């Protein structure tokens, strides 16, 4: 690993809670560190490498590791009970943790018919339920057509189809969940937008299913009456 380190002057090291962290880069063309090694002296079972990061500096406060990234600071949360579930943002102005907001946009889907309109009835997200989640857990799902038409729905990740939230706390939850979400959108291609910004919430989306009809109308023709165009 040491032999792969580039721009060693940009490396940063910090020590917290019996672990040493070393941020480094394996790409000589970037000015920041994109990887971080974590070594636990108490276990001595080897080390972990975190990838896909943007690190300019590592520092600790109250035995907590902080990552100085581009335009913001991340509290890692690996080191204390308050943030033991995972990474969160840290707002230095408010002096508190804030949720990490992310938005994902998929590739275009034509469902195997690149030159025909499709009528998208429903989508079916399949996901793992976060049993330990205390508050709200919501994933915003939007489907965008090629003419910028858009349908958005909110998926309540804490809701159980079997028991519901209140009874689920008593009788248990279903581990793998799926839901049908109405879309009602006609397009040739479809893009998905996923947005999640719940505090300390682990999102595991396994797959997405689509319920649709292929229409007889091809590209260059009027869509017409969808009900009469179904194959």
C-alpha atoms as a PDB file:
ATOM      1  CA  UNK A   1       0.000   0.000   0.000  1.00  0.00           C
ATOM      2  CA  UNK A   2       2.806   2.423   0.857  1.00  0.00           C
ATOM      3  CA  UNK A   3       4.336   1.936  -2.585  1.00  0.00           C
ATOM      4  CA  UNK A   4       1.018   3.020  -4.159  1.00  0.00           C
ATOM      5  CA  UNK A   5       0.879   6.337  -2.300  1.00  0.00           C
ATOM      6  CA  UNK A   6       1.229   9.435  -4.472  1.00  0.00           C
ATOM      7  CA  UNK A   7       1.783  13.080  -3.535  1.00  0.00           C
ATOM      8  CA  UNK A   8       2.940  12.064  -0.054  1.00  0.00           C
ATOM      9  CA  UNK A   9       3.109  15.688   1.071  1.00  0.00           C
ATOM     10  CA  UNK A  10      -0.714  15.704   1.010  1.00  0.00           C
ATOM     11  CA  UNK A  11      -1.039  12.723   3.366  1.00  0.00           C
ATOM     12  CA  UNK A  12      -2.697  13.323   6.727  1.00  0.00           C
ATOM     13  CA  UNK A  13      -2.707  11.211   9.903  1.00  0.00           C
ATOM     14  CA  UNK A  14      -4.789  11.221  13.095  1.00  0.00           C
ATOM     15  CA  UNK A  15      -5.190   8.999  16.170  1.00  0.00           C
ATOM     16  CA  UNK A  16      -8.485   8.404  17.988  1.00  0.00           C
ATOM     17  CA  UNK A  17     -10.012   5.744  20.240  1.00  0.00           C
ATOM     18  CA  UNK A  18      -7.115   3.315  19.878  1.00  0.00           C
ATOM     19  CA  UNK A  19      -7.076   3.568  16.093  1.00  0.00           C
ATOM     20  CA  UNK A  20      -4.734   5.342  13.724  1.00  0.00           C
ATOM     21  CA  UNK A  21      -6.006   6.831  10.463  1.00  0.00           C
ATOM     22  CA  UNK A  22      -3.880   7.683   7.454  1.00  0.00           C
ATOM     23  CA  UNK A  23      -5.366   9.542   4.481  1.00  0.00           C
ATOM     24  CA  UNK A  24      -3.489   9.171   1.211  1.00  0.00           C
ATOM     25  CA  UNK A  25      -3.891   9.276  -2.551  1.00  0.00           C
ATOM     26  CA  UNK A  26      -3.120   6.616  -5.149  1.00  0.00           C
ATOM     27  CA  UNK A  27      -3.656   9.060  -8.010  1.00  0.00           C
ATOM     28  CA  UNK A  28      -0.871  11.543  -8.733  1.00  0.00           C
ATOM     29  CA  UNK A  29      -3.206  13.773 -10.759  1.00  0.00           C
ATOM     30  CA  UNK A  30      -5.439  14.827  -7.843  1.00  0.00           C
ATOM     31  CA  UNK A  31      -4.594  17.290  -5.077  1.00  0.00           C
ATOM     32  CA  UNK A  32      -6.530  15.542  -2.281  1.00  0.00           C
ATOM     33  CA  UNK A  33      -6.503  12.130  -0.596  1.00  0.00           C
ATOM     34  CA  UNK A  34      -9.006   9.645  -1.997  1.00  0.00           C
ATOM     35  CA  UNK A  35      -8.377   6.756   0.410  1.00  0.00           C
ATOM     36  CA  UNK A  36      -8.012   6.260   4.159  1.00  0.00           C
ATOM     37  CA  UNK A  37      -6.398   3.417   6.128  1.00  0.00           C
ATOM     38  CA  UNK A  38      -7.805   2.525   9.551  1.00  0.00           C
ATOM     39  CA  UNK A  39      -5.661   0.401  11.875  1.00  0.00           C
ATOM     40  CA  UNK A  40      -6.972  -0.774  15.239  1.00  0.00           C
ATOM     41  CA  UNK A  41      -4.150  -1.316  17.756  1.00  0.00           C
ATOM     42  CA  UNK A  42      -6.458  -3.152  20.183  1.00  0.00           C
ATOM     43  CA  UNK A  43      -7.354  -5.956  17.775  1.00  0.00           C
ATOM     44  CA  UNK A  44      -4.241  -6.034  15.561  1.00  0.00           C
ATOM     45  CA  UNK A  45      -6.168  -8.051  12.961  1.00  0.00           C
ATOM     46  CA  UNK A  46      -5.034  -5.982  10.019  1.00  0.00           C
ATOM     47  CA  UNK A  47      -6.426  -2.751   8.626  1.00  0.00           C
ATOM     48  CA  UNK A  48      -9.426  -1.377   6.739  1.00  0.00           C
ATOM     49  CA  UNK A  49      -9.203   0.830   3.655  1.00  0.00           C
ATOM     50  CA  UNK A  50     -11.985   3.337   2.909  1.00  0.00           C
ATOM     51  CA  UNK A  51     -12.234   4.462  -0.715  1.00  0.00           C
ATOM     52  CA  UNK A  52     -14.056   7.078  -2.755  1.00  0.00           C
ATOM     53  CA  UNK A  53     -13.290   9.905  -0.313  1.00  0.00           C
ATOM     54  CA  UNK A  54     -12.241  13.532  -0.712  1.00  0.00           C
ATOM     55  CA  UNK A  55      -9.880  14.320   2.177  1.00  0.00           C
ATOM     56  CA  UNK A  56      -7.739  17.400   2.635  1.00  0.00           C
ATOM     57  CA  UNK A  57      -7.045  16.994   6.348  1.00  0.00           C
ATOM     58  CA  UNK A  58      -7.743  14.662   9.299  1.00  0.00           C
ATOM     59  CA  UNK A  59      -8.145  15.893  12.863  1.00  0.00           C
ATOM     60  CA  UNK A  60      -9.668  14.758  16.165  1.00  0.00           C
ATOM     61  CA  UNK A  61     -11.810  16.443  18.804  1.00  0.00           C
ATOM     62  CA  UNK A  62     -13.147  14.768  21.948  1.00  0.00           C
ATOM     63  CA  UNK A  63     -11.801  11.439  20.690  1.00  0.00           C
ATOM     64  CA  UNK A  64     -13.801  11.741  17.458  1.00  0.00           C
ATOM     65  CA  UNK A  65     -12.248  11.690  14.013  1.00  0.00           C
ATOM     66  CA  UNK A  66     -13.211  14.489  11.629  1.00  0.00           C
ATOM     67  CA  UNK A  67     -12.488  14.632   7.911  1.00  0.00           C
ATOM     68  CA  UNK A  68     -11.805  17.977   6.300  1.00  0.00           C
ATOM     69  CA  UNK A  69     -13.332  17.572   2.835  1.00  0.00           C
ATOM     70  CA  UNK A  70     -14.128  20.089   0.102  1.00  0.00           C
ATOM     71  CA  UNK A  71     -16.226  22.946   1.554  1.00  0.00           C
ATOM     72  CA  UNK A  72     -17.377  20.947   4.591  1.00  0.00           C
ATOM     73  CA  UNK A  73     -16.311  18.768   7.501  1.00  0.00           C
ATOM     74  CA  UNK A  74     -17.467  15.163   8.047  1.00  0.00           C
ATOM     75  CA  UNK A  75     -17.864  13.601  11.481  1.00  0.00           C
ATOM     76  CA  UNK A  76     -17.060   9.933  10.886  1.00  0.00           C
ATOM     77  CA  UNK A  77     -19.244   8.521  13.660  1.00  0.00           C
ATOM     78  CA  UNK A  78     -17.231   5.314  13.847  1.00  0.00           C
ATOM     79  CA  UNK A  79     -15.805   6.414  17.183  1.00  0.00           C
ATOM     80  CA  UNK A  80     -18.648   7.456  19.480  1.00  0.00           C
ATOM     81  CA  UNK A  81     -22.116   6.327  20.550  1.00  0.00           C
ATOM     82  CA  UNK A  82     -23.924   9.432  19.367  1.00  0.00           C
ATOM     83  CA  UNK A  83     -22.991   8.805  15.763  1.00  0.00           C
ATOM     84  CA  UNK A  84     -22.241   5.107  15.846  1.00  0.00           C
ATOM     85  CA  UNK A  85     -24.471   4.243  12.883  1.00  0.00           C
ATOM     86  CA  UNK A  86     -22.307   5.712  10.141  1.00  0.00           C
ATOM     87  CA  UNK A  87     -21.123   8.884   8.489  1.00  0.00           C
ATOM     88  CA  UNK A  88     -22.850  12.212   8.906  1.00  0.00           C
ATOM     89  CA  UNK A  89     -22.023  15.755   7.919  1.00  0.00           C
ATOM     90  CA  UNK A  90     -20.800  18.246  10.463  1.00  0.00           C
ATOM     91  CA  UNK A  91     -21.840  21.893  10.197  1.00  0.00           C
ATOM     92  CA  UNK A  92     -19.045  24.016  11.705  1.00  0.00           C
ATOM     93  CA  UNK A  93     -21.275  27.114  11.863  1.00  0.00           C
ATOM     94  CA  UNK A  94     -24.092  25.376  13.759  1.00  0.00           C
ATOM     95  CA  UNK A  95     -21.529  23.238  15.599  1.00  0.00           C
ATOM     96  CA  UNK A  96     -23.610  20.074  15.256  1.00  0.00           C
ATOM     97  CA  UNK A  97     -24.108  17.059  13.067  1.00  0.00           C
ATOM     98  CA  UNK A  98     -26.426  17.349  10.086  1.00  0.00           C
ATOM     99  CA  UNK A  99     -27.764  14.698   7.678  1.00  0.00           C
ATOM    100  CA  UNK A 100     -25.845  13.778   4.555  1.00  0.00           C
ATOM    101  CA  UNK A 101     -28.032  14.524   1.556  1.00  0.00           C
ATOM    102  CA  UNK A 102     -27.473  12.580  -1.641  1.00  0.00           C
ATOM    103  CA  UNK A 103     -29.217  12.386  -4.970  1.00  0.00           C
ATOM    104  CA  UNK A 104     -28.729   9.651  -7.581  1.00  0.00           C
ATOM    105  CA  UNK A 105     -29.810   9.775 -11.225  1.00  0.00           C
ATOM    106  CA  UNK A 106     -29.877   6.545 -13.220  1.00  0.00           C
ATOM    107  CA  UNK A 107     -29.134   5.806 -16.842  1.00  0.00           C
ATOM    108  CA  UNK A 108     -31.938   5.865 -19.432  1.00  0.00           C
ATOM    109  CA  UNK A 109     -34.141   2.760 -19.562  1.00  0.00           C
ATOM    110  CA  UNK A 110     -35.945   1.805 -22.790  1.00  0.00           C
ATOM    111  CA  UNK A 111     -37.138  -1.632 -21.555  1.00  0.00           C
ATOM    112  CA  UNK A 112     -35.833  -3.324 -24.705  1.00  0.00           C
ATOM    113  CA  UNK A 113     -37.892  -1.202 -27.133  1.00  0.00           C
ATOM    114  CA  UNK A 114     -35.741   1.778 -28.116  1.00  0.00           C
ATOM    115  CA  UNK A 115     -38.162   3.115 -30.775  1.00  0.00           C
ATOM    116  CA  UNK A 116     -41.536   2.714 -29.068  1.00  0.00           C
ATOM    117  CA  UNK A 117     -43.441   4.554 -26.394  1.00  0.00           C
ATOM    118  CA  UNK A 118     -44.031   2.778 -23.106  1.00  0.00           C
ATOM    119  CA  UNK A 119     -46.776   3.434 -20.610  1.00  0.00           C
ATOM    120  CA  UNK A 120     -45.213   3.052 -17.161  1.00  0.00           C
ATOM    121  CA  UNK A 121     -47.929   2.048 -14.714  1.00  0.00           C
ATOM    122  CA  UNK A 122     -45.998   1.289 -11.530  1.00  0.00           C
ATOM    123  CA  UNK A 123     -42.534   0.728 -10.161  1.00  0.00           C
ATOM    124  CA  UNK A 124     -41.701  -1.769  -7.425  1.00  0.00           C
ATOM    125  CA  UNK A 125     -38.741  -0.953  -5.142  1.00  0.00           C
ATOM    126  CA  UNK A 126     -37.321  -3.888  -3.159  1.00  0.00           C
ATOM    127  CA  UNK A 127     -35.347  -2.866  -0.073  1.00  0.00           C
ATOM    128  CA  UNK A 128     -34.127  -3.952   3.337  1.00  0.00           C
ATOM    129  CA  UNK A 129     -36.056  -2.530   6.249  1.00  0.00           C
ATOM    130  CA  UNK A 130     -34.044  -0.598   8.810  1.00  0.00           C
ATOM    131  CA  UNK A 131     -35.388  -2.139  12.017  1.00  0.00           C
ATOM    132  CA  UNK A 132     -33.319   0.130  14.288  1.00  0.00           C
ATOM    133  CA  UNK A 133     -34.619   3.331  12.735  1.00  0.00           C
ATOM    134  CA  UNK A 134     -36.293   5.519  15.362  1.00  0.00           C
ATOM    135  CA  UNK A 135     -37.727   8.429  13.379  1.00  0.00           C
ATOM    136  CA  UNK A 136     -38.784   9.038   9.797  1.00  0.00           C
ATOM    137  CA  UNK A 137     -37.133   7.128   6.980  1.00  0.00           C
ATOM    138  CA  UNK A 138     -38.149   8.340   3.530  1.00  0.00           C
ATOM    139  CA  UNK A 139     -36.774   7.801   0.033  1.00  0.00           C
ATOM    140  CA  UNK A 140     -38.004  10.161  -2.692  1.00  0.00           C
ATOM    141  CA  UNK A 141     -38.358   8.413  -6.060  1.00  0.00           C
ATOM    142  CA  UNK A 142     -38.963  10.322  -9.295  1.00  0.00           C
ATOM    143  CA  UNK A 143     -39.330   8.991 -12.829  1.00  0.00           C
ATOM    144  CA  UNK A 144     -38.428  11.417 -15.634  1.00  0.00           C
ATOM    145  CA  UNK A 145     -39.472  11.041 -19.290  1.00  0.00           C
ATOM    146  CA  UNK A 146     -37.497  12.276 -22.302  1.00  0.00           C
ATOM    147  CA  UNK A 147     -39.740  15.365 -22.605  1.00  0.00           C
ATOM    148  CA  UNK A 148     -38.952  16.327 -18.967  1.00  0.00           C
ATOM    149  CA  UNK A 149     -42.319  15.045 -17.756  1.00  0.00           C
ATOM    150  CA  UNK A 150     -41.886  13.851 -14.192  1.00  0.00           C
ATOM    151  CA  UNK A 151     -43.754  11.811 -11.575  1.00  0.00           C
ATOM    152  CA  UNK A 152     -42.543  11.798  -7.962  1.00  0.00           C
ATOM    153  CA  UNK A 153     -43.483   9.597  -5.013  1.00  0.00           C
ATOM    154  CA  UNK A 154     -42.236   9.247  -1.437  1.00  0.00           C
ATOM    155  CA  UNK A 155     -41.439   5.778  -0.147  1.00  0.00           C
ATOM    156  CA  UNK A 156     -41.835   5.347   3.608  1.00  0.00           C
ATOM    157  CA  UNK A 157     -39.032   2.918   4.434  1.00  0.00           C
ATOM    158  CA  UNK A 158     -40.137   2.313   8.032  1.00  0.00           C
ATOM    159  CA  UNK A 159     -43.642   1.167   7.144  1.00  0.00           C
ATOM    160  CA  UNK A 160     -44.286  -2.573   7.228  1.00  0.00           C
ATOM    161  CA  UNK A 161     -46.877  -4.157   4.956  1.00  0.00           C
ATOM    162  CA  UNK A 162     -47.394  -6.925   7.511  1.00  0.00           C
ATOM    163  CA  UNK A 163     -47.805  -5.202  10.860  1.00  0.00           C
ATOM    164  CA  UNK A 164     -47.386  -1.471  10.428  1.00  0.00           C
ATOM    165  CA  UNK A 165     -44.932   0.575  12.452  1.00  0.00           C
ATOM    166  CA  UNK A 166     -46.606   0.324  15.880  1.00  0.00           C
ATOM    167  CA  UNK A 167     -47.295  -3.425  15.758  1.00  0.00           C
ATOM    168  CA  UNK A 168     -43.976  -4.051  14.044  1.00  0.00           C
ATOM    169  CA  UNK A 169     -42.164  -2.826  17.139  1.00  0.00           C
ATOM    170  CA  UNK A 170     -43.937  -5.553  19.121  1.00  0.00           C
ATOM    171  CA  UNK A 171     -44.176  -8.460  16.690  1.00  0.00           C
ATOM    172  CA  UNK A 172     -41.229  -7.735  14.410  1.00  0.00           C
ATOM    173  CA  UNK A 173     -40.666  -6.516  10.867  1.00  0.00           C
ATOM    174  CA  UNK A 174     -40.324  -8.158   7.504  1.00  0.00           C
ATOM    175  CA  UNK A 175     -36.634  -8.083   6.571  1.00  0.00           C
ATOM    176  CA  UNK A 176     -37.102  -7.616   2.821  1.00  0.00           C
ATOM    177  CA  UNK A 177     -39.842  -5.219   1.755  1.00  0.00           C
ATOM    178  CA  UNK A 178     -41.419  -4.317  -1.569  1.00  0.00           C
ATOM    179  CA  UNK A 179     -44.060  -1.804  -2.563  1.00  0.00           C
ATOM    180  CA  UNK A 180     -45.947  -0.845  -5.696  1.00  0.00           C
ATOM    181  CA  UNK A 181     -45.844   2.866  -6.491  1.00  0.00           C
ATOM    182  CA  UNK A 182     -48.169   4.398  -9.076  1.00  0.00           C
ATOM    183  CA  UNK A 183     -46.369   6.290 -11.872  1.00  0.00           C
ATOM    184  CA  UNK A 184     -48.818   6.826 -14.806  1.00  0.00           C
ATOM    185  CA  UNK A 185     -46.196   8.157 -17.243  1.00  0.00           C
ATOM    186  CA  UNK A 186     -45.776   7.686 -21.015  1.00  0.00           C
ATOM    187  CA  UNK A 187     -42.338   8.040 -22.607  1.00  0.00           C
ATOM    188  CA  UNK A 188     -39.797   6.347 -24.864  1.00  0.00           C
ATOM    189  CA  UNK A 189     -37.062   6.357 -22.233  1.00  0.00           C
ATOM    190  CA  UNK A 190     -37.242   6.669 -18.459  1.00  0.00           C
ATOM    191  CA  UNK A 191     -34.752   7.973 -15.932  1.00  0.00           C
ATOM    192  CA  UNK A 192     -34.893   7.426 -12.185  1.00  0.00           C
ATOM    193  CA  UNK A 193     -34.007  10.034  -9.551  1.00  0.00           C
ATOM    194  CA  UNK A 194     -33.484   8.871  -5.970  1.00  0.00           C
ATOM    195  CA  UNK A 195     -33.097  11.344  -3.109  1.00  0.00           C
ATOM    196  CA  UNK A 196     -32.445  10.475   0.531  1.00  0.00           C
ATOM    197  CA  UNK A 197     -31.653  12.873   3.379  1.00  0.00           C
ATOM    198  CA  UNK A 198     -32.735  11.157   6.584  1.00  0.00           C
ATOM    199  CA  UNK A 199     -30.532  11.583   9.630  1.00  0.00           C
ATOM    200  CA  UNK A 200     -28.350   8.543  10.471  1.00  0.00           C
ATOM    201  CA  UNK A 201     -30.434   6.271   8.268  1.00  0.00           C
ATOM    202  CA  UNK A 202     -28.964   3.294   6.434  1.00  0.00           C
ATOM    203  CA  UNK A 203     -30.603   2.786   3.042  1.00  0.00           C
ATOM    204  CA  UNK A 204     -30.247  -0.592   1.295  1.00  0.00           C
ATOM    205  CA  UNK A 205     -32.124  -0.664  -2.017  1.00  0.00           C
ATOM    206  CA  UNK A 206     -31.920  -4.144  -3.534  1.00  0.00           C
ATOM    207  CA  UNK A 207     -33.706  -3.751  -6.864  1.00  0.00           C
ATOM    208  CA  UNK A 208     -36.428  -1.956  -8.817  1.00  0.00           C
ATOM    209  CA  UNK A 209     -39.170  -3.598 -10.858  1.00  0.00           C
ATOM    210  CA  UNK A 210     -41.269  -1.950 -13.580  1.00  0.00           C
ATOM    211  CA  UNK A 211     -44.877  -2.593 -14.623  1.00  0.00           C
ATOM    212  CA  UNK A 212     -45.496  -1.149 -18.094  1.00  0.00           C
ATOM    213  CA  UNK A 213     -47.185  -1.607 -21.470  1.00  0.00           C
ATOM    214  CA  UNK A 214     -45.435  -1.196 -24.828  1.00  0.00           C
ATOM    215  CA  UNK A 215     -47.451   1.032 -27.167  1.00  0.00           C
ATOM    216  CA  UNK A 216     -47.696   0.556 -30.937  1.00  0.00           C
ATOM    217  CA  UNK A 217     -46.685   4.146 -31.653  1.00  0.00           C
ATOM    218  CA  UNK A 218     -43.060   4.474 -32.771  1.00  0.00           C
ATOM    219  CA  UNK A 219     -40.734   7.447 -32.616  1.00  0.00           C
ATOM    220  CA  UNK A 220     -41.779  10.208 -35.004  1.00  0.00           C
ATOM    221  CA  UNK A 221     -45.511   9.540 -34.681  1.00  0.00           C
ATOM    222  CA  UNK A 222     -48.147  10.994 -32.409  1.00  0.00           C
ATOM    223  CA  UNK A 223     -48.726   9.079 -29.182  1.00  0.00           C
ATOM    224  CA  UNK A 224     -52.476   9.296 -29.675  1.00  0.00           C
ATOM    225  CA  UNK A 225     -54.901   7.450 -27.465  1.00  0.00           C
ATOM    226  CA  UNK A 226     -52.915   5.163 -25.185  1.00  0.00           C
ATOM    227  CA  UNK A 227     -55.855   2.849 -24.606  1.00  0.00           C
ATOM    228  CA  UNK A 228     -56.094   1.993 -28.321  1.00  0.00           C
ATOM    229  CA  UNK A 229     -52.358   1.587 -28.865  1.00  0.00           C
ATOM    230  CA  UNK A 230     -51.617  -1.280 -26.484  1.00  0.00           C
ATOM    231  CA  UNK A 231     -50.062  -4.274 -28.176  1.00  0.00           C
END
